[in-house]
Amino acid sequence: MKSQRQRRIAHALIVVWTGAVLVFLYMPMLSVVLASFTKQRYFRFPVKAWDTRWYEKAFESLSVRDLFWTSFSVALLVTLISVVLAFFGALAFARYDWKGRKLYQRLILLPIFFPQAVLGLALLLWFSSLGITTSWQTAVFAHMIWILPIVTLIMSIQVYSFDPVWEEAAYDLGASRLQVLREITLPILAPGIISGAIFAFLLSWGNFPLSLFTTGADQTIPEWLYAKMVSGYTPMVPTLGSLTMGGAAGFLLVAFVVMIVIRRVKQGKSNQLR
């Protein structure tokens, strides 16, 4: 009886603690959403007058479309290139034993520990010395230097749990390298690949320090939000912030659905083999 009561108390405390953490994490985001629907220029709670005109202006604005397109282009390219390079980098990191592997494991993770502002400044000076004009393309390169090690580390976790016996069995049955890669390696490493892609896209989508130094005349959404917070604030700032959070949440939802589909396909194939 006493143990059941203790369990109930412990369960209640866990629920309360979890709720407090969620409120602490998501209350600022809720404030941004509420501020985007107010008629007043500055946010005051409770909101006395609601309005959606800032969303209408955001969808009609060509400059906002350019901001979204620039941010999306940078994030998409960073994701695609990082996933491809990190896939082979993760195999070298966690799968194969070769001379210089330990040094490679240390060097590949170094950019993660550099302050992004310092890294962005260093890249800006490097581009200037090479005579390269900064734009959103150079921002792609800058984002990759910081994001690629993170994606490599995420995929390496999945590679560490990958048993090479599956590939060896496929080779023994006469499969080619391409067949093994397509039918064995990629499906098994798919959760790590998808997780790495999610991190790459979201980290690039919301990156500010590297973009500030390397986009040049182009501008991403985080840069625009910062500029408007410094001077010329309007409710368009929380409106774009809300749309950005909504886009990130939608991307996570799509990725979650894709992972569920892949898992069900795997289960279906395993049931057929049985």
C-alpha atoms as a PDB file:
ATOM      1  CA  MET A   1       0.000   0.000   0.000  1.00  0.00           C
ATOM      2  CA  LYS A   2       2.797   2.330   0.945  1.00  0.00           C
ATOM      3  CA  SER A   3       4.758   1.516  -2.201  1.00  0.00           C
ATOM      4  CA  GLN A   4       1.717   2.256  -4.392  1.00  0.00           C
ATOM      5  CA  ARG A   5       1.294   5.619  -2.701  1.00  0.00           C
ATOM      6  CA  GLN A   6       4.959   6.423  -3.229  1.00  0.00           C
ATOM      7  CA  ARG A   7       4.635   5.495  -6.905  1.00  0.00           C
ATOM      8  CA  ARG A   8       1.634   7.788  -7.294  1.00  0.00           C
ATOM      9  CA  ILE A   9       3.499  10.656  -5.636  1.00  0.00           C
ATOM     10  CA  ALA A  10       6.562  10.026  -7.810  1.00  0.00           C
ATOM     11  CA  HIS A  11       4.387   9.873 -10.937  1.00  0.00           C
ATOM     12  CA  ALA A  12       2.648  13.135  -9.978  1.00  0.00           C
ATOM     13  CA  LEU A  13       5.990  14.845  -9.368  1.00  0.00           C
ATOM     14  CA  ILE A  14       7.292  13.654 -12.751  1.00  0.00           C
ATOM     15  CA  VAL A  15       4.164  14.979 -14.481  1.00  0.00           C
ATOM     16  CA  VAL A  16       4.457  18.349 -12.726  1.00  0.00           C
ATOM     17  CA  TRP A  17       8.168  18.607 -13.496  1.00  0.00           C
ATOM     18  CA  THR A  18       7.626  17.665 -17.153  1.00  0.00           C
ATOM     19  CA  GLY A  19       4.841  20.242 -17.445  1.00  0.00           C
ATOM     20  CA  ALA A  20       7.026  22.949 -15.896  1.00  0.00           C
ATOM     21  CA  VAL A  21       9.871  22.181 -18.326  1.00  0.00           C
ATOM     22  CA  LEU A  22       7.509  22.283 -21.322  1.00  0.00           C
ATOM     23  CA  VAL A  23       6.024  25.593 -20.180  1.00  0.00           C
ATOM     24  CA  PHE A  24       9.519  27.023 -19.664  1.00  0.00           C
ATOM     25  CA  LEU A  25      10.590  25.913 -23.165  1.00  0.00           C
ATOM     26  CA  TYR A  26       7.501  26.802 -25.181  1.00  0.00           C
ATOM     27  CA  MET A  27       6.131  29.898 -23.441  1.00  0.00           C
ATOM     28  CA  PRO A  28       8.496  32.251 -25.337  1.00  0.00           C
ATOM     29  CA  MET A  29       7.364  30.670 -28.639  1.00  0.00           C
ATOM     30  CA  LEU A  30       3.728  31.106 -27.637  1.00  0.00           C
ATOM     31  CA  SER A  31       4.440  34.757 -26.886  1.00  0.00           C
ATOM     32  CA  VAL A  32       5.844  35.214 -30.396  1.00  0.00           C
ATOM     33  CA  VAL A  33       2.698  33.687 -31.922  1.00  0.00           C
ATOM     34  CA  LEU A  34       0.421  35.876 -29.803  1.00  0.00           C
ATOM     35  CA  ALA A  35       2.419  38.999 -30.704  1.00  0.00           C
ATOM     36  CA  SER A  36       1.907  38.255 -34.414  1.00  0.00           C
ATOM     37  CA  PHE A  37      -1.891  38.502 -34.040  1.00  0.00           C
ATOM     38  CA  THR A  38      -2.079  41.801 -32.169  1.00  0.00           C
ATOM     39  CA  LYS A  39      -3.171  45.121 -33.691  1.00  0.00           C
ATOM     40  CA  GLN A  40      -0.767  47.046 -31.504  1.00  0.00           C
ATOM     41  CA  ARG A  41       2.787  47.596 -32.620  1.00  0.00           C
ATOM     42  CA  TYR A  42       4.290  46.273 -29.393  1.00  0.00           C
ATOM     43  CA  PHE A  43       3.124  43.134 -27.644  1.00  0.00           C
ATOM     44  CA  ARG A  44       1.102  43.506 -24.452  1.00  0.00           C
ATOM     45  CA  PHE A  45      -0.637  40.741 -22.568  1.00  0.00           C
ATOM     46  CA  PRO A  46      -3.518  40.189 -22.481  1.00  0.00           C
ATOM     47  CA  VAL A  47      -4.095  41.001 -26.144  1.00  0.00           C
ATOM     48  CA  LYS A  48      -6.988  43.466 -26.419  1.00  0.00           C
ATOM     49  CA  ALA A  49      -7.435  43.464 -30.216  1.00  0.00           C
ATOM     50  CA  TRP A  50      -6.677  40.607 -32.591  1.00  0.00           C
ATOM     51  CA  ASP A  51      -5.700  41.036 -36.225  1.00  0.00           C
ATOM     52  CA  THR A  52      -4.365  38.858 -39.060  1.00  0.00           C
ATOM     53  CA  ARG A  53      -3.288  41.652 -41.397  1.00  0.00           C
ATOM     54  CA  TRP A  54       0.409  41.054 -40.724  1.00  0.00           C
ATOM     55  CA  TYR A  55       0.078  37.537 -42.082  1.00  0.00           C
ATOM     56  CA  GLU A  56      -1.694  38.914 -45.146  1.00  0.00           C
ATOM     57  CA  LYS A  57       1.141  41.408 -45.657  1.00  0.00           C
ATOM     58  CA  ALA A  58       3.729  38.657 -45.185  1.00  0.00           C
ATOM     59  CA  PHE A  59       2.181  36.442 -47.862  1.00  0.00           C
ATOM     60  CA  GLU A  60       1.794  39.387 -50.251  1.00  0.00           C
ATOM     61  CA  SER A  61       5.295  40.796 -49.713  1.00  0.00           C
ATOM     62  CA  LEU A  62       7.858  39.996 -52.411  1.00  0.00           C
ATOM     63  CA  SER A  63      10.722  40.733 -50.004  1.00  0.00           C
ATOM     64  CA  VAL A  64       9.402  38.119 -47.586  1.00  0.00           C
ATOM     65  CA  ARG A  65       9.244  35.587 -50.417  1.00  0.00           C
ATOM     66  CA  ASP A  66      12.855  36.372 -51.283  1.00  0.00           C
ATOM     67  CA  LEU A  67      13.851  35.885 -47.650  1.00  0.00           C
ATOM     68  CA  PHE A  68      12.136  32.503 -47.470  1.00  0.00           C
ATOM     69  CA  TRP A  69      13.552  31.419 -50.810  1.00  0.00           C
ATOM     70  CA  THR A  70      17.095  32.386 -49.809  1.00  0.00           C
ATOM     71  CA  SER A  71      16.845  30.630 -46.443  1.00  0.00           C
ATOM     72  CA  PHE A  72      15.257  27.557 -48.028  1.00  0.00           C
ATOM     73  CA  SER A  73      17.854  27.388 -50.819  1.00  0.00           C
ATOM     74  CA  VAL A  74      20.742  27.600 -48.358  1.00  0.00           C
ATOM     75  CA  ALA A  75      19.227  25.013 -45.992  1.00  0.00           C
ATOM     76  CA  LEU A  76      18.319  22.603 -48.800  1.00  0.00           C
ATOM     77  CA  LEU A  77      21.757  22.691 -50.425  1.00  0.00           C
ATOM     78  CA  VAL A  78      23.488  22.350 -47.056  1.00  0.00           C
ATOM     79  CA  THR A  79      21.295  19.350 -46.244  1.00  0.00           C
ATOM     80  CA  LEU A  80      21.841  17.545 -49.547  1.00  0.00           C
ATOM     81  CA  ILE A  81      25.613  18.062 -49.663  1.00  0.00           C
ATOM     82  CA  SER A  82      26.115  17.390 -45.942  1.00  0.00           C
ATOM     83  CA  VAL A  83      24.146  14.135 -46.028  1.00  0.00           C
ATOM     84  CA  VAL A  84      26.160  12.783 -48.969  1.00  0.00           C
ATOM     85  CA  LEU A  85      29.541  13.776 -47.526  1.00  0.00           C
ATOM     86  CA  ALA A  86      28.603  12.758 -43.980  1.00  0.00           C
ATOM     87  CA  PHE A  87      27.492   9.310 -45.164  1.00  0.00           C
ATOM     88  CA  PHE A  88      30.964   8.450 -46.414  1.00  0.00           C
ATOM     89  CA  GLY A  89      32.561  10.418 -43.584  1.00  0.00           C
ATOM     90  CA  ALA A  90      30.619   8.395 -41.019  1.00  0.00           C
ATOM     91  CA  LEU A  91      31.767   5.124 -42.597  1.00  0.00           C
ATOM     92  CA  ALA A  92      35.358   6.338 -42.343  1.00  0.00           C
ATOM     93  CA  PHE A  93      34.685   7.596 -38.799  1.00  0.00           C
ATOM     94  CA  ALA A  94      33.078   4.493 -37.309  1.00  0.00           C
ATOM     95  CA  ARG A  95      33.292   1.570 -39.729  1.00  0.00           C
ATOM     96  CA  TYR A  96      36.702   1.106 -41.245  1.00  0.00           C
ATOM     97  CA  ASP A  97      40.009   0.838 -39.426  1.00  0.00           C
ATOM     98  CA  TRP A  98      42.687   2.754 -41.312  1.00  0.00           C
ATOM     99  CA  LYS A  99      45.889   4.635 -40.612  1.00  0.00           C
ATOM    100  CA  GLY A 100      45.125   8.138 -39.386  1.00  0.00           C
ATOM    101  CA  ARG A 101      41.573   7.290 -38.291  1.00  0.00           C
ATOM    102  CA  LYS A 102      42.014   8.622 -34.750  1.00  0.00           C
ATOM    103  CA  LEU A 103      43.425  11.899 -36.043  1.00  0.00           C
ATOM    104  CA  TYR A 104      40.526  12.144 -38.489  1.00  0.00           C
ATOM    105  CA  GLN A 105      38.015  11.545 -35.682  1.00  0.00           C
ATOM    106  CA  ARG A 106      39.480  14.463 -33.751  1.00  0.00           C
ATOM    107  CA  LEU A 107      39.879  16.893 -36.641  1.00  0.00           C
ATOM    108  CA  ILE A 108      36.405  16.332 -38.111  1.00  0.00           C
ATOM    109  CA  LEU A 109      34.750  17.472 -34.867  1.00  0.00           C
ATOM    110  CA  LEU A 110      36.867  20.597 -34.279  1.00  0.00           C
ATOM    111  CA  PRO A 111      34.575  23.105 -36.093  1.00  0.00           C
ATOM    112  CA  ILE A 112      31.741  22.260 -33.694  1.00  0.00           C
ATOM    113  CA  PHE A 113      33.688  23.776 -30.796  1.00  0.00           C
ATOM    114  CA  PHE A 114      34.583  27.028 -32.565  1.00  0.00           C
ATOM    115  CA  PRO A 115      32.362  30.024 -31.741  1.00  0.00           C
ATOM    116  CA  GLN A 116      30.235  30.583 -34.832  1.00  0.00           C
ATOM    117  CA  ALA A 117      30.910  34.318 -34.853  1.00  0.00           C
ATOM    118  CA  VAL A 118      34.670  33.712 -34.909  1.00  0.00           C
ATOM    119  CA  LEU A 119      34.263  31.032 -37.584  1.00  0.00           C
ATOM    120  CA  GLY A 120      32.110  33.376 -39.669  1.00  0.00           C
ATOM    121  CA  LEU A 121      34.655  36.189 -39.371  1.00  0.00           C
ATOM    122  CA  ALA A 122      37.483  33.839 -40.360  1.00  0.00           C
ATOM    123  CA  LEU A 123      35.545  32.702 -43.427  1.00  0.00           C
ATOM    124  CA  LEU A 124      34.753  36.294 -44.389  1.00  0.00           C
ATOM    125  CA  LEU A 125      38.451  37.220 -44.231  1.00  0.00           C
ATOM    126  CA  TRP A 126      39.319  34.093 -46.217  1.00  0.00           C
ATOM    127  CA  PHE A 127      36.763  34.854 -48.923  1.00  0.00           C
ATOM    128  CA  SER A 128      38.016  38.437 -49.122  1.00  0.00           C
ATOM    129  CA  SER A 129      41.636  37.319 -49.494  1.00  0.00           C
ATOM    130  CA  LEU A 130      40.612  35.008 -52.352  1.00  0.00           C
ATOM    131  CA  GLY A 131      38.602  37.749 -54.037  1.00  0.00           C
ATOM    132  CA  ILE A 132      35.320  35.872 -53.652  1.00  0.00           C
ATOM    133  CA  THR A 133      32.195  38.016 -53.389  1.00  0.00           C
ATOM    134  CA  THR A 134      30.043  36.793 -50.517  1.00  0.00           C
ATOM    135  CA  SER A 135      26.483  35.727 -51.297  1.00  0.00           C
ATOM    136  CA  TRP A 136      24.065  32.997 -50.291  1.00  0.00           C
ATOM    137  CA  GLN A 137      26.316  30.483 -52.096  1.00  0.00           C
ATOM    138  CA  THR A 138      29.220  31.291 -49.798  1.00  0.00           C
ATOM    139  CA  ALA A 139      26.811  30.961 -46.878  1.00  0.00           C
ATOM    140  CA  VAL A 140      26.163  27.377 -47.995  1.00  0.00           C
ATOM    141  CA  PHE A 141      29.885  26.653 -47.716  1.00  0.00           C
ATOM    142  CA  ALA A 142      30.077  28.369 -44.321  1.00  0.00           C
ATOM    143  CA  HIS A 143      27.109  26.468 -42.924  1.00  0.00           C
ATOM    144  CA  MET A 144      28.568  23.177 -44.130  1.00  0.00           C
ATOM    145  CA  ILE A 145      31.837  23.710 -42.254  1.00  0.00           C
ATOM    146  CA  TRP A 146      29.915  23.829 -38.978  1.00  0.00           C
ATOM    147  CA  ILE A 147      27.024  21.453 -39.768  1.00  0.00           C
ATOM    148  CA  LEU A 148      28.863  18.671 -41.618  1.00  0.00           C
ATOM    149  CA  PRO A 149      30.722  17.457 -38.479  1.00  0.00           C
ATOM    150  CA  ILE A 150      27.414  17.319 -36.571  1.00  0.00           C
ATOM    151  CA  VAL A 151      25.722  15.270 -39.305  1.00  0.00           C
ATOM    152  CA  THR A 152      28.768  12.994 -39.500  1.00  0.00           C
ATOM    153  CA  LEU A 153      28.615  12.377 -35.760  1.00  0.00           C
ATOM    154  CA  ILE A 154      24.868  11.629 -35.891  1.00  0.00           C
ATOM    155  CA  MET A 155      25.299   9.123 -38.730  1.00  0.00           C
ATOM    156  CA  SER A 156      28.317   7.558 -36.996  1.00  0.00           C
ATOM    157  CA  ILE A 157      26.092   6.577 -34.070  1.00  0.00           C
ATOM    158  CA  GLN A 158      23.975   4.524 -36.480  1.00  0.00           C
ATOM    159  CA  VAL A 159      27.075   3.111 -38.197  1.00  0.00           C
ATOM    160  CA  TYR A 160      28.481   1.885 -34.863  1.00  0.00           C
ATOM    161  CA  SER A 161      25.367  -0.301 -34.410  1.00  0.00           C
ATOM    162  CA  PHE A 162      25.601  -1.664 -37.972  1.00  0.00           C
ATOM    163  CA  ASP A 163      26.787  -5.275 -38.160  1.00  0.00           C
ATOM    164  CA  PRO A 164      28.953  -5.883 -41.272  1.00  0.00           C
ATOM    165  CA  VAL A 165      27.799  -9.526 -41.256  1.00  0.00           C
ATOM    166  CA  TRP A 166      24.723  -8.467 -43.245  1.00  0.00           C
ATOM    167  CA  GLU A 167      26.869  -7.118 -46.068  1.00  0.00           C
ATOM    168  CA  GLU A 168      29.165 -10.153 -45.996  1.00  0.00           C
ATOM    169  CA  ALA A 169      26.155 -12.470 -46.255  1.00  0.00           C
ATOM    170  CA  ALA A 170      24.876 -10.510 -49.258  1.00  0.00           C
ATOM    171  CA  TYR A 171      28.278 -10.754 -50.961  1.00  0.00           C
ATOM    172  CA  ASP A 172      28.341 -14.505 -50.331  1.00  0.00           C
ATOM    173  CA  LEU A 173      24.952 -14.770 -52.075  1.00  0.00           C
ATOM    174  CA  GLY A 174      26.354 -13.084 -55.161  1.00  0.00           C
ATOM    175  CA  ALA A 175      25.191  -9.483 -54.664  1.00  0.00           C
ATOM    176  CA  SER A 176      27.182  -6.683 -56.265  1.00  0.00           C
ATOM    177  CA  ARG A 177      28.521  -3.645 -54.397  1.00  0.00           C
ATOM    178  CA  LEU A 178      25.701  -1.490 -55.736  1.00  0.00           C
ATOM    179  CA  GLN A 179      23.077  -4.029 -54.686  1.00  0.00           C
ATOM    180  CA  VAL A 180      24.552  -4.279 -51.189  1.00  0.00           C
ATOM    181  CA  LEU A 181      24.607  -0.502 -50.888  1.00  0.00           C
ATOM    182  CA  ARG A 182      21.020  -0.157 -52.127  1.00  0.00           C
ATOM    183  CA  GLU A 183      19.433  -3.166 -50.408  1.00  0.00           C
ATOM    184  CA  ILE A 184      21.461  -3.525 -47.195  1.00  0.00           C
ATOM    185  CA  THR A 185      23.572  -0.528 -46.209  1.00  0.00           C
ATOM    186  CA  LEU A 186      21.236   2.362 -47.019  1.00  0.00           C
ATOM    187  CA  PRO A 187      18.056   0.823 -45.496  1.00  0.00           C
ATOM    188  CA  ILE A 188      19.855  -0.069 -42.258  1.00  0.00           C
ATOM    189  CA  LEU A 189      21.474   3.367 -41.979  1.00  0.00           C
ATOM    190  CA  ALA A 190      18.287   5.193 -43.072  1.00  0.00           C
ATOM    191  CA  PRO A 191      17.307   6.338 -39.524  1.00  0.00           C
ATOM    192  CA  GLY A 192      20.718   7.955 -39.068  1.00  0.00           C
ATOM    193  CA  ILE A 193      20.613   9.514 -42.542  1.00  0.00           C
ATOM    194  CA  ILE A 194      17.156  10.987 -41.965  1.00  0.00           C
ATOM    195  CA  SER A 195      18.114  12.253 -38.506  1.00  0.00           C
ATOM    196  CA  GLY A 196      21.239  13.874 -39.924  1.00  0.00           C
ATOM    197  CA  ALA A 197      19.210  15.508 -42.699  1.00  0.00           C
ATOM    198  CA  ILE A 198      16.740  16.917 -40.159  1.00  0.00           C
ATOM    199  CA  PHE A 199      19.529  18.398 -38.050  1.00  0.00           C
ATOM    200  CA  ALA A 200      21.300  19.807 -41.117  1.00  0.00           C
ATOM    201  CA  PHE A 201      18.202  21.526 -42.482  1.00  0.00           C
ATOM    202  CA  LEU A 202      17.009  23.010 -39.192  1.00  0.00           C
ATOM    203  CA  LEU A 203      20.466  24.138 -38.062  1.00  0.00           C
ATOM    204  CA  SER A 204      21.041  25.851 -41.397  1.00  0.00           C
ATOM    205  CA  TRP A 205      17.507  27.268 -41.553  1.00  0.00           C
ATOM    206  CA  GLY A 206      17.885  29.081 -38.240  1.00  0.00           C
ATOM    207  CA  ASN A 207      21.581  29.924 -38.372  1.00  0.00           C
ATOM    208  CA  PHE A 208      22.388  33.570 -37.755  1.00  0.00           C
ATOM    209  CA  PRO A 209      26.109  34.115 -36.916  1.00  0.00           C
ATOM    210  CA  LEU A 210      27.535  32.395 -40.010  1.00  0.00           C
ATOM    211  CA  SER A 211      24.904  33.915 -42.292  1.00  0.00           C
ATOM    212  CA  LEU A 212      25.608  37.400 -40.961  1.00  0.00           C
ATOM    213  CA  PHE A 213      29.247  37.229 -42.075  1.00  0.00           C
ATOM    214  CA  THR A 214      28.930  35.264 -45.315  1.00  0.00           C
ATOM    215  CA  THR A 215      25.689  36.133 -47.157  1.00  0.00           C
ATOM    216  CA  GLY A 216      26.878  39.517 -48.398  1.00  0.00           C
ATOM    217  CA  ALA A 217      24.077  41.431 -50.121  1.00  0.00           C
ATOM    218  CA  ASP A 218      21.694  38.476 -49.748  1.00  0.00           C
ATOM    219  CA  GLN A 219      19.697  38.087 -46.563  1.00  0.00           C
ATOM    220  CA  THR A 220      18.199  35.149 -44.697  1.00  0.00           C
ATOM    221  CA  ILE A 221      15.238  35.234 -42.319  1.00  0.00           C
ATOM    222  CA  PRO A 222      17.349  35.241 -39.094  1.00  0.00           C
ATOM    223  CA  GLU A 223      19.359  38.190 -40.413  1.00  0.00           C
ATOM    224  CA  TRP A 224      16.210  40.119 -41.304  1.00  0.00           C
ATOM    225  CA  LEU A 225      14.677  39.438 -37.890  1.00  0.00           C
ATOM    226  CA  TYR A 226      17.808  40.712 -36.160  1.00  0.00           C
ATOM    227  CA  ALA A 227      17.944  43.843 -38.324  1.00  0.00           C
ATOM    228  CA  LYS A 228      14.306  44.681 -37.574  1.00  0.00           C
ATOM    229  CA  MET A 229      14.751  44.061 -33.857  1.00  0.00           C
ATOM    230  CA  VAL A 230      17.653  46.530 -33.812  1.00  0.00           C
ATOM    231  CA  SER A 231      15.742  49.205 -35.720  1.00  0.00           C
ATOM    232  CA  GLY A 232      12.351  49.484 -37.387  1.00  0.00           C
ATOM    233  CA  TYR A 233      10.448  46.894 -35.355  1.00  0.00           C
ATOM    234  CA  THR A 234       6.947  45.999 -36.567  1.00  0.00           C
ATOM    235  CA  PRO A 235       4.627  43.048 -35.820  1.00  0.00           C
ATOM    236  CA  MET A 236       6.003  41.576 -39.050  1.00  0.00           C
ATOM    237  CA  VAL A 237       8.919  40.359 -36.909  1.00  0.00           C
ATOM    238  CA  PRO A 238       6.878  37.962 -34.730  1.00  0.00           C
ATOM    239  CA  THR A 239       4.809  37.083 -37.807  1.00  0.00           C
ATOM    240  CA  LEU A 240       7.864  35.859 -39.722  1.00  0.00           C
ATOM    241  CA  GLY A 241       9.114  34.218 -36.545  1.00  0.00           C
ATOM    242  CA  SER A 242       5.838  32.312 -36.218  1.00  0.00           C
ATOM    243  CA  LEU A 243       5.928  31.266 -39.874  1.00  0.00           C
ATOM    244  CA  THR A 244       9.512  30.081 -39.452  1.00  0.00           C
ATOM    245  CA  MET A 245       8.607  27.999 -36.407  1.00  0.00           C
ATOM    246  CA  GLY A 246       5.595  26.616 -38.250  1.00  0.00           C
ATOM    247  CA  GLY A 247       7.760  25.668 -41.222  1.00  0.00           C
ATOM    248  CA  ALA A 248      10.266  23.914 -38.964  1.00  0.00           C
ATOM    249  CA  ALA A 249       7.465  22.049 -37.181  1.00  0.00           C
ATOM    250  CA  GLY A 250       5.999  21.001 -40.542  1.00  0.00           C
ATOM    251  CA  PHE A 251       9.397  19.757 -41.692  1.00  0.00           C
ATOM    252  CA  LEU A 252       9.747  17.679 -38.525  1.00  0.00           C
ATOM    253  CA  LEU A 253       6.268  16.240 -39.025  1.00  0.00           C
ATOM    254  CA  VAL A 254       7.024  15.228 -42.616  1.00  0.00           C
ATOM    255  CA  ALA A 255      10.320  13.641 -41.541  1.00  0.00           C
ATOM    256  CA  PHE A 256       8.520  11.740 -38.764  1.00  0.00           C
ATOM    257  CA  VAL A 257       5.965  10.397 -41.252  1.00  0.00           C
ATOM    258  CA  VAL A 258       8.759   9.343 -43.632  1.00  0.00           C
ATOM    259  CA  MET A 259      10.502   7.435 -40.835  1.00  0.00           C
ATOM    260  CA  ILE A 260       7.253   5.645 -39.963  1.00  0.00           C
ATOM    261  CA  VAL A 261       6.740   4.672 -43.616  1.00  0.00           C
ATOM    262  CA  ILE A 262      10.309   3.362 -43.883  1.00  0.00           C
ATOM    263  CA  ARG A 263       9.878   1.348 -40.692  1.00  0.00           C
ATOM    264  CA  ARG A 264       6.657  -0.219 -41.965  1.00  0.00           C
ATOM    265  CA  VAL A 265       8.272  -1.066 -45.306  1.00  0.00           C
ATOM    266  CA  LYS A 266      11.104  -2.788 -43.448  1.00  0.00           C
ATOM    267  CA  GLN A 267       8.647  -4.746 -41.336  1.00  0.00           C
ATOM    268  CA  GLY A 268       6.725  -5.767 -44.449  1.00  0.00           C
ATOM    269  CA  LYS A 269       9.882  -7.050 -46.141  1.00  0.00           C
ATOM    270  CA  SER A 270      10.950  -8.958 -43.039  1.00  0.00           C
ATOM    271  CA  ASN A 271       7.498 -10.575 -42.791  1.00  0.00           C
ATOM    272  CA  GLN A 272       7.707 -11.640 -46.438  1.00  0.00           C
ATOM    273  CA  LEU A 273      11.091 -13.238 -45.847  1.00  0.00           C
ATOM    274  CA  ARG A 274       9.663 -15.214 -42.940  1.00  0.00           C
END
